[in-house]
N, C-alpha and C. Protein backbone atom coordinates (compact mmCIF):
# COMPACT_ATOMS: atom_id res chain seq x y z
N MET A 1 5.11 10.11 -4.96
CA MET A 1 5.84 8.77 -4.94
C MET A 1 5.49 7.97 -3.76
N ALA A 2 5.58 8.62 -2.64
CA ALA A 2 5.26 7.84 -1.36
C ALA A 2 3.81 7.33 -1.36
N GLU A 3 2.90 8.25 -1.89
CA GLU A 3 1.50 7.81 -1.93
C GLU A 3 1.30 6.61 -2.88
N GLY A 4 1.99 6.58 -3.97
CA GLY A 4 1.93 5.46 -4.92
C GLY A 4 2.38 4.15 -4.20
N ALA A 5 3.49 4.27 -3.43
CA ALA A 5 4.05 3.10 -2.79
C ALA A 5 3.13 2.56 -1.74
N THR A 6 2.44 3.48 -0.93
CA THR A 6 1.47 3.00 0.07
C THR A 6 0.31 2.39 -0.63
N TYR A 7 -0.08 2.95 -1.85
CA TYR A 7 -1.28 2.41 -2.51
C TYR A 7 -0.94 1.01 -3.00
N VAL A 8 0.25 0.77 -3.55
CA VAL A 8 0.61 -0.55 -4.06
C VAL A 8 0.68 -1.59 -2.87
N ALA A 9 1.23 -1.10 -1.66
CA ALA A 9 1.26 -2.01 -0.54
C ALA A 9 -0.16 -2.34 -0.09
N GLY A 10 -1.06 -1.39 -0.15
CA GLY A 10 -2.40 -1.58 0.31
C GLY A 10 -3.11 -2.57 -0.65
N ALA A 11 -2.79 -2.48 -1.92
CA ALA A 11 -3.40 -3.34 -2.95
C ALA A 11 -2.89 -4.79 -2.73
N GLY A 12 -1.67 -4.87 -2.39
CA GLY A 12 -1.11 -6.26 -2.06
C GLY A 12 -1.79 -6.82 -0.85
N GLU A 13 -2.08 -6.01 0.14
CA GLU A 13 -2.66 -6.52 1.39
C GLU A 13 -4.11 -6.97 1.01
N ARG A 14 -4.76 -6.14 0.18
CA ARG A 14 -6.18 -6.42 -0.22
C ARG A 14 -6.30 -7.67 -0.96
N ILE A 15 -5.34 -7.94 -1.88
CA ILE A 15 -5.30 -9.21 -2.59
C ILE A 15 -5.07 -10.45 -1.75
N ALA A 16 -4.19 -10.21 -0.72
CA ALA A 16 -3.94 -11.30 0.19
C ALA A 16 -5.08 -11.64 1.07
N ASN A 17 -5.75 -10.62 1.49
CA ASN A 17 -6.96 -10.77 2.29
C ASN A 17 -8.01 -11.45 1.46
N GLY A 18 -8.20 -11.10 0.15
CA GLY A 18 -9.22 -11.75 -0.60
C GLY A 18 -8.90 -13.22 -0.79
N GLN A 19 -7.60 -13.54 -0.87
CA GLN A 19 -7.26 -14.93 -1.12
C GLN A 19 -7.54 -15.74 0.16
N LYS A 20 -7.23 -15.22 1.31
CA LYS A 20 -7.53 -15.82 2.61
C LYS A 20 -9.11 -16.00 2.70
N ARG A 21 -9.81 -14.98 2.37
CA ARG A 21 -11.30 -15.21 2.52
C ARG A 21 -11.79 -16.23 1.64
N SER A 22 -11.35 -16.30 0.39
CA SER A 22 -11.84 -17.35 -0.56
C SER A 22 -11.46 -18.77 -0.14
N ARG A 23 -10.25 -18.87 0.52
CA ARG A 23 -9.83 -20.12 1.03
C ARG A 23 -10.67 -20.59 2.16
N LEU A 24 -11.00 -19.62 3.11
CA LEU A 24 -11.87 -19.92 4.19
C LEU A 24 -13.21 -20.38 3.69
N ARG A 25 -13.75 -19.66 2.57
CA ARG A 25 -15.05 -20.01 2.04
C ARG A 25 -15.04 -21.44 1.49
N GLN A 26 -13.88 -21.79 0.80
CA GLN A 26 -13.77 -23.15 0.24
C GLN A 26 -13.81 -24.16 1.35
N SER A 27 -13.02 -23.95 2.37
CA SER A 27 -12.91 -24.92 3.46
C SER A 27 -14.21 -25.07 4.16
N SER A 28 -14.97 -23.92 4.46
CA SER A 28 -16.26 -24.08 5.07
C SER A 28 -17.23 -24.80 4.26
N ARG A 29 -17.14 -24.70 2.99
CA ARG A 29 -18.03 -25.48 2.01
C ARG A 29 -17.72 -26.94 2.18
N VAL A 30 -16.41 -27.28 2.22
CA VAL A 30 -15.99 -28.67 2.32
C VAL A 30 -16.54 -29.26 3.69
N VAL A 31 -16.45 -28.51 4.77
CA VAL A 31 -16.88 -28.90 6.10
C VAL A 31 -18.39 -29.25 5.99
N ARG A 32 -19.03 -28.30 5.35
CA ARG A 32 -20.57 -28.49 5.23
C ARG A 32 -20.85 -29.73 4.48
N ASN A 33 -20.24 -29.99 3.37
CA ASN A 33 -20.38 -31.24 2.52
C ASN A 33 -20.12 -32.49 3.44
N VAL A 34 -19.07 -32.41 4.23
CA VAL A 34 -18.73 -33.57 5.13
C VAL A 34 -19.81 -33.74 6.12
N LEU A 35 -20.31 -32.68 6.65
CA LEU A 35 -21.44 -32.78 7.67
C LEU A 35 -22.63 -33.40 7.04
N VAL A 36 -23.01 -33.02 5.80
CA VAL A 36 -24.13 -33.58 5.12
C VAL A 36 -23.91 -35.10 4.89
N VAL A 37 -22.71 -35.45 4.54
CA VAL A 37 -22.47 -36.89 4.25
C VAL A 37 -22.54 -37.68 5.55
N VAL A 38 -22.13 -37.11 6.69
CA VAL A 38 -22.14 -37.79 7.96
C VAL A 38 -23.57 -37.97 8.47
N ARG A 39 -24.44 -36.96 8.11
CA ARG A 39 -25.80 -37.05 8.63
C ARG A 39 -26.58 -38.11 7.84
N THR A 40 -26.35 -38.32 6.48
CA THR A 40 -27.16 -39.25 5.74
C THR A 40 -26.70 -40.61 6.00
């Protein structure tokens, strides 16, 4: 029972970390696009 609870908590953390990473990836892509526009 305790093992299952810790696994569920770990899965929640993993999902949260994945969402943070994808958000960072999207923002970095936007920054790159802005830099390209500024250069041209």
